[in-house]
C-alpha cells in the first residue's frame, strides 16, 4: 500500500503590526501596496483572507494559497512603510498557530 502526502492548500501567517492600526482595511491596503511595489500590479491581486485580528489590530492572521505565500512574505519583508508587519509564526497547519497567542486561542474557542 502506497502512501501519498496531501499537499496543503493554504498557508497561514501570524503577523505583528507596528504601530497598531485602527482598522483592518489599512493593514490590507498596506499589504497590497507592498505586493504592487515589489512585484507589480499582477501580484497585487493575490487572494488572501484575514481570518483574525487582535482587538487593537496589533496582530493579524492571514490565510493564502500555499503557492502565493513566498511572494507575500518577500513583499512584506522588503516594503519599508508604516505600519510595519513582522512574521510571528507561519504554518500550513492552522492549529499550530494557536499556541502563540492566548487571545487567538480564545477567539477560536468562542467561534
N, C-alpha and C. Protein backbone atom coordinates (compact mmCIF):
# COMPACT_ATOMS: atom_id res chain seq x y z
N UNK A 1 0.85 -1.17 0.00
CA UNK A 1 0.00 0.00 0.00
C UNK A 1 0.89 1.24 0.00
N UNK A 2 0.69 2.08 -0.96
CA UNK A 2 1.50 3.29 -1.04
C UNK A 2 0.79 4.43 -0.31
N UNK A 3 1.59 5.30 0.23
CA UNK A 3 1.04 6.46 0.94
C UNK A 3 1.35 7.72 0.15
N UNK A 4 0.38 8.56 0.08
CA UNK A 4 0.55 9.84 -0.62
C UNK A 4 0.31 10.96 0.38
N UNK A 5 1.24 11.87 0.41
CA UNK A 5 1.06 13.04 1.28
C UNK A 5 0.14 14.03 0.59
N UNK A 6 -0.76 14.56 1.35
CA UNK A 6 -1.62 15.60 0.83
C UNK A 6 -0.87 16.92 0.84
N UNK A 7 -0.87 17.59 -0.27
CA UNK A 7 -0.21 18.89 -0.29
C UNK A 7 -1.18 19.91 0.28
N UNK A 8 -0.69 20.78 1.15
CA UNK A 8 -1.58 21.76 1.78
C UNK A 8 -2.06 22.80 0.77
N UNK A 9 -3.31 23.19 0.90
CA UNK A 9 -3.88 24.20 0.01
C UNK A 9 -3.61 25.61 0.51
N UNK A 10 -3.57 25.76 1.83
CA UNK A 10 -3.45 27.09 2.41
C UNK A 10 -2.22 27.22 3.29
N UNK A 11 -1.78 28.45 3.41
CA UNK A 11 -0.64 28.80 4.25
C UNK A 11 -1.14 29.90 5.19
N UNK A 12 -0.81 29.79 6.45
CA UNK A 12 -1.28 30.74 7.47
C UNK A 12 -0.09 31.49 8.04
N UNK A 13 -0.24 32.79 8.16
CA UNK A 13 0.83 33.62 8.71
C UNK A 13 0.24 34.54 9.78
N UNK A 14 0.87 34.51 10.94
CA UNK A 14 0.50 35.41 12.03
C UNK A 14 1.52 36.55 12.05
N UNK A 15 1.05 37.77 11.81
CA UNK A 15 1.91 38.95 11.77
C UNK A 15 1.68 39.81 13.00
N UNK A 16 2.74 40.48 13.44
CA UNK A 16 2.56 41.58 14.38
C UNK A 16 2.54 42.86 13.55
N UNK A 17 1.76 43.83 13.99
CA UNK A 17 1.60 45.09 13.27
C UNK A 17 2.11 46.20 14.18
N UNK A 18 3.07 46.97 13.68
CA UNK A 18 3.67 48.01 14.50
C UNK A 18 3.80 49.30 13.68
N UNK A 19 3.23 50.39 14.10
CA UNK A 19 2.35 50.55 15.24
C UNK A 19 0.97 49.93 14.96
N UNK A 20 0.26 49.62 16.01
CA UNK A 20 -1.08 49.04 15.88
C UNK A 20 -1.97 50.00 15.09
N UNK A 21 -2.84 49.45 14.28
CA UNK A 21 -3.70 50.25 13.42
C UNK A 21 -5.12 50.31 13.97
N UNK A 22 -5.87 51.28 13.48
CA UNK A 22 -7.24 51.44 13.96
C UNK A 22 -8.22 50.52 13.25
N UNK A 23 -7.83 50.03 12.06
CA UNK A 23 -8.74 49.13 11.35
C UNK A 23 -7.99 48.16 10.46
N UNK A 24 -8.67 47.12 10.06
CA UNK A 24 -8.09 46.05 9.25
C UNK A 24 -7.86 46.51 7.82
N UNK A 25 -8.69 47.39 7.32
CA UNK A 25 -8.56 47.82 5.93
C UNK A 25 -7.24 48.51 5.66
N UNK A 26 -6.73 49.28 6.62
CA UNK A 26 -5.44 49.94 6.41
C UNK A 26 -4.31 48.91 6.33
N UNK A 27 -4.44 47.82 7.07
CA UNK A 27 -3.43 46.76 7.01
C UNK A 27 -3.50 46.03 5.67
N UNK A 28 -4.71 45.71 5.24
CA UNK A 28 -4.88 45.05 3.93
C UNK A 28 -4.33 45.93 2.81
N UNK A 29 -4.60 47.24 2.88
CA UNK A 29 -4.09 48.18 1.87
C UNK A 29 -2.58 48.20 1.87
N UNK A 30 -1.97 48.16 3.04
CA UNK A 30 -0.51 48.15 3.14
C UNK A 30 0.06 46.91 2.48
N UNK A 31 -0.57 45.76 2.69
CA UNK A 31 -0.09 44.52 2.09
C UNK A 31 -0.20 44.59 0.57
N UNK A 32 -1.32 45.11 0.06
CA UNK A 32 -1.48 45.23 -1.38
C UNK A 32 -0.50 46.24 -1.97
N UNK A 33 -0.22 47.33 -1.26
CA UNK A 33 0.79 48.29 -1.71
C UNK A 33 2.16 47.64 -1.79
N UNK A 34 2.49 46.81 -0.81
CA UNK A 34 3.78 46.12 -0.80
C UNK A 34 3.88 45.17 -1.99
N UNK A 35 2.83 44.42 -2.25
CA UNK A 35 2.83 43.49 -3.39
C UNK A 35 2.98 44.25 -4.71
N UNK A 36 2.29 45.39 -4.83
CA UNK A 36 2.38 46.18 -6.05
C UNK A 36 3.77 46.75 -6.25
N UNK A 37 4.35 47.30 -5.20
CA UNK A 37 5.67 47.92 -5.33
C UNK A 37 6.76 46.90 -5.62
N UNK A 38 6.70 45.76 -4.98
CA UNK A 38 7.77 44.78 -5.12
C UNK A 38 7.60 43.91 -6.36
N UNK A 39 6.38 43.48 -6.67
CA UNK A 39 6.17 42.52 -7.75
C UNK A 39 5.30 43.02 -8.89
N UNK A 40 4.74 44.20 -8.77
CA UNK A 40 3.93 44.75 -9.85
C UNK A 40 2.44 44.51 -9.64
N UNK A 41 1.68 45.06 -10.55
CA UNK A 41 0.22 45.07 -10.43
C UNK A 41 -0.38 43.66 -10.49
N UNK A 42 0.26 42.75 -11.20
CA UNK A 42 -0.32 41.41 -11.33
C UNK A 42 -0.33 40.66 -10.01
N UNK A 43 0.65 40.88 -9.16
CA UNK A 43 0.70 40.20 -7.87
C UNK A 43 -0.14 40.89 -6.81
N UNK A 44 -0.51 42.14 -7.03
CA UNK A 44 -1.27 42.85 -6.00
C UNK A 44 -2.68 42.29 -5.84
N UNK A 45 -3.12 41.51 -6.81
CA UNK A 45 -4.45 40.92 -6.73
C UNK A 45 -4.47 39.53 -6.12
N UNK A 46 -3.36 39.10 -5.53
CA UNK A 46 -3.33 37.78 -4.90
C UNK A 46 -4.41 37.68 -3.84
N UNK A 47 -5.07 36.54 -3.82
CA UNK A 47 -6.18 36.33 -2.90
C UNK A 47 -5.66 35.97 -1.52
N UNK A 48 -6.16 36.66 -0.51
CA UNK A 48 -5.82 36.34 0.87
C UNK A 48 -7.01 36.66 1.76
N UNK A 49 -7.13 35.90 2.82
CA UNK A 49 -8.19 36.12 3.80
C UNK A 49 -7.58 36.59 5.10
N UNK A 50 -8.19 37.60 5.70
CA UNK A 50 -7.81 37.99 7.05
C UNK A 50 -8.75 37.23 7.97
N UNK A 51 -8.22 36.24 8.66
CA UNK A 51 -9.04 35.37 9.49
C UNK A 51 -9.28 35.92 10.88
N UNK A 52 -8.32 36.69 11.38
CA UNK A 52 -8.42 37.15 12.77
C UNK A 52 -7.54 38.37 12.95
N UNK A 53 -7.98 39.29 13.81
CA UNK A 53 -7.14 40.40 14.24
C UNK A 53 -7.29 40.56 15.74
N UNK A 54 -6.23 41.02 16.39
CA UNK A 54 -6.34 41.37 17.80
C UNK A 54 -7.27 42.58 17.91
N UNK A 55 -7.83 42.78 19.07
CA UNK A 55 -8.77 43.89 19.25
C UNK A 55 -8.16 45.23 18.88
N UNK A 56 -6.89 45.42 19.20
CA UNK A 56 -6.22 46.68 18.88
C UNK A 56 -5.50 46.64 17.52
N UNK A 57 -5.72 45.58 16.74
CA UNK A 57 -5.09 45.38 15.43
C UNK A 57 -3.57 45.34 15.51
N UNK A 58 -3.03 44.86 16.63
CA UNK A 58 -1.58 44.73 16.75
C UNK A 58 -1.09 43.39 16.24
N UNK A 59 -2.00 42.46 16.00
CA UNK A 59 -1.68 41.16 15.40
C UNK A 59 -2.77 40.82 14.39
N UNK A 60 -2.35 40.10 13.35
CA UNK A 60 -3.29 39.74 12.29
C UNK A 60 -2.93 38.37 11.75
N UNK A 61 -3.94 37.56 11.49
CA UNK A 61 -3.74 36.22 10.95
C UNK A 61 -4.29 36.19 9.52
N UNK A 62 -3.43 35.79 8.59
CA UNK A 62 -3.79 35.79 7.17
C UNK A 62 -3.70 34.37 6.62
N UNK A 63 -4.67 34.03 5.76
CA UNK A 63 -4.65 32.75 5.03
C UNK A 63 -4.50 33.06 3.55
N UNK A 64 -3.61 32.32 2.89
CA UNK A 64 -3.41 32.50 1.46
C UNK A 64 -3.10 31.15 0.83
N UNK A 65 -3.12 31.08 -0.47
CA UNK A 65 -2.74 29.86 -1.16
C UNK A 65 -1.26 29.58 -0.88
N UNK A 66 -0.93 28.31 -0.74
CA UNK A 66 0.45 27.92 -0.45
C UNK A 66 1.41 28.44 -1.52
N UNK A 67 0.99 28.43 -2.76
CA UNK A 67 1.86 28.88 -3.84
C UNK A 67 2.14 30.38 -3.80
N UNK A 68 1.27 31.15 -3.17
CA UNK A 68 1.43 32.61 -3.12
C UNK A 68 2.16 33.08 -1.87
N UNK A 69 2.39 32.20 -0.92
CA UNK A 69 2.99 32.62 0.35
C UNK A 69 4.40 33.18 0.21
N UNK A 70 5.30 32.61 -0.62
CA UNK A 70 6.63 33.22 -0.73
C UNK A 70 6.59 34.65 -1.26
N UNK A 71 5.66 34.91 -2.17
CA UNK A 71 5.53 36.25 -2.75
C UNK A 71 5.10 37.25 -1.68
N UNK A 72 4.09 36.88 -0.91
CA UNK A 72 3.61 37.78 0.15
C UNK A 72 4.68 38.03 1.19
N UNK A 73 5.35 36.99 1.64
CA UNK A 73 6.38 37.15 2.67
C UNK A 73 7.53 38.03 2.16
N UNK A 74 7.94 37.84 0.91
CA UNK A 74 9.01 38.66 0.36
C UNK A 74 8.59 40.12 0.25
N UNK A 75 7.36 40.37 -0.16
CA UNK A 75 6.88 41.74 -0.30
C UNK A 75 6.80 42.44 1.04
N UNK A 76 6.30 41.76 2.05
CA UNK A 76 6.16 42.36 3.37
C UNK A 76 7.52 42.67 3.98
N UNK A 77 8.48 41.79 3.77
CA UNK A 77 9.82 41.99 4.33
C UNK A 77 10.54 43.17 3.68
N UNK A 78 10.40 43.32 2.37
CA UNK A 78 11.15 44.37 1.67
C UNK A 78 10.47 45.73 1.66
N UNK A 79 9.18 45.79 1.91
CA UNK A 79 8.44 47.05 1.87
C UNK A 79 8.68 47.82 3.15
N UNK A 80 9.18 49.03 3.03
CA UNK A 80 9.51 49.86 4.19
C UNK A 80 8.53 51.01 4.33
N UNK A 81 7.41 50.71 4.93
CA UNK A 81 6.39 51.73 5.14
C UNK A 81 5.65 51.41 6.42
N UNK A 82 4.99 52.40 6.97
CA UNK A 82 4.22 52.19 8.19
C UNK A 82 2.81 51.78 7.80
N UNK A 83 2.20 50.85 8.46
CA UNK A 83 2.67 50.06 9.60
C UNK A 83 3.63 48.96 9.15
N UNK A 84 4.49 48.56 10.04
CA UNK A 84 5.47 47.52 9.78
C UNK A 84 4.89 46.17 10.18
N UNK A 85 4.92 45.20 9.26
CA UNK A 85 4.45 43.85 9.55
C UNK A 85 5.65 42.95 9.79
N UNK A 86 5.59 42.17 10.85
CA UNK A 86 6.65 41.21 11.17
C UNK A 86 6.02 39.85 11.38
N UNK A 87 6.66 38.83 10.84
CA UNK A 87 6.13 37.47 10.97
C UNK A 87 6.39 36.97 12.39
N UNK A 88 5.32 36.55 13.06
CA UNK A 88 5.44 35.93 14.38
C UNK A 88 5.58 34.43 14.21
N UNK A 89 4.68 33.88 13.41
CA UNK A 89 4.67 32.44 13.20
C UNK A 89 3.97 32.16 11.88
N UNK A 90 4.38 31.08 11.20
CA UNK A 90 3.75 30.70 9.95
C UNK A 90 3.68 29.19 9.84
N UNK A 91 2.65 28.70 9.16
CA UNK A 91 2.46 27.26 9.08
C UNK A 91 1.41 26.92 8.04
N UNK A 92 1.43 25.67 7.59
CA UNK A 92 0.35 25.17 6.73
C UNK A 92 -0.74 24.53 7.58
N UNK A 93 -0.53 24.47 8.89
CA UNK A 93 -1.46 23.84 9.81
C UNK A 93 -1.96 24.89 10.79
N UNK A 94 -3.18 25.35 10.60
CA UNK A 94 -3.73 26.45 11.39
C UNK A 94 -3.67 26.23 12.90
N UNK A 95 -4.03 25.07 13.44
CA UNK A 95 -4.00 24.90 14.89
C UNK A 95 -2.61 25.10 15.52
N UNK A 96 -1.56 24.96 14.74
CA UNK A 96 -0.22 25.18 15.31
C UNK A 96 0.00 26.64 15.67
N UNK A 97 -0.76 27.55 15.09
CA UNK A 97 -0.62 28.97 15.42
C UNK A 97 -1.34 29.33 16.70
N UNK A 98 -2.23 28.48 17.15
CA UNK A 98 -2.98 28.77 18.37
C UNK A 98 -2.11 28.78 19.61
N UNK A 99 -1.00 28.08 19.57
CA UNK A 99 -0.11 28.05 20.73
C UNK A 99 0.59 29.38 20.95
N UNK A 100 0.59 30.25 19.97
CA UNK A 100 1.30 31.52 20.06
C UNK A 100 0.57 32.54 20.92
N UNK A 101 -0.71 32.64 20.76
CA UNK A 101 -1.42 33.76 21.35
C UNK A 101 -2.64 33.29 22.13
N UNK A 102 -2.75 33.72 23.37
CA UNK A 102 -3.92 33.37 24.17
C UNK A 102 -5.18 33.98 23.58
N UNK A 103 -5.09 35.21 23.07
CA UNK A 103 -6.27 35.84 22.51
C UNK A 103 -6.72 35.13 21.25
N UNK A 104 -5.78 34.64 20.47
CA UNK A 104 -6.13 33.88 19.27
C UNK A 104 -6.78 32.56 19.66
N UNK A 105 -6.27 31.91 20.69
CA UNK A 105 -6.84 30.65 21.16
C UNK A 105 -8.26 30.89 21.68
N UNK A 106 -8.45 31.97 22.44
CA UNK A 106 -9.78 32.28 22.97
C UNK A 106 -10.76 32.58 21.85
N UNK A 107 -10.31 33.26 20.81
CA UNK A 107 -11.18 33.55 19.68
C UNK A 107 -11.59 32.27 18.97
N UNK A 108 -10.69 31.31 18.87
CA UNK A 108 -11.01 30.03 18.23
C UNK A 108 -12.02 29.25 19.06
N UNK A 109 -11.91 29.33 20.36
CA UNK A 109 -12.83 28.61 21.24
C UNK A 109 -14.22 29.23 21.17
N UNK A 110 -14.30 30.56 21.09
CA UNK A 110 -15.59 31.25 21.06
C UNK A 110 -16.36 30.98 19.77
N UNK A 111 -15.65 30.77 18.67
CA UNK A 111 -16.36 30.59 17.39
C UNK A 111 -16.70 29.17 17.09
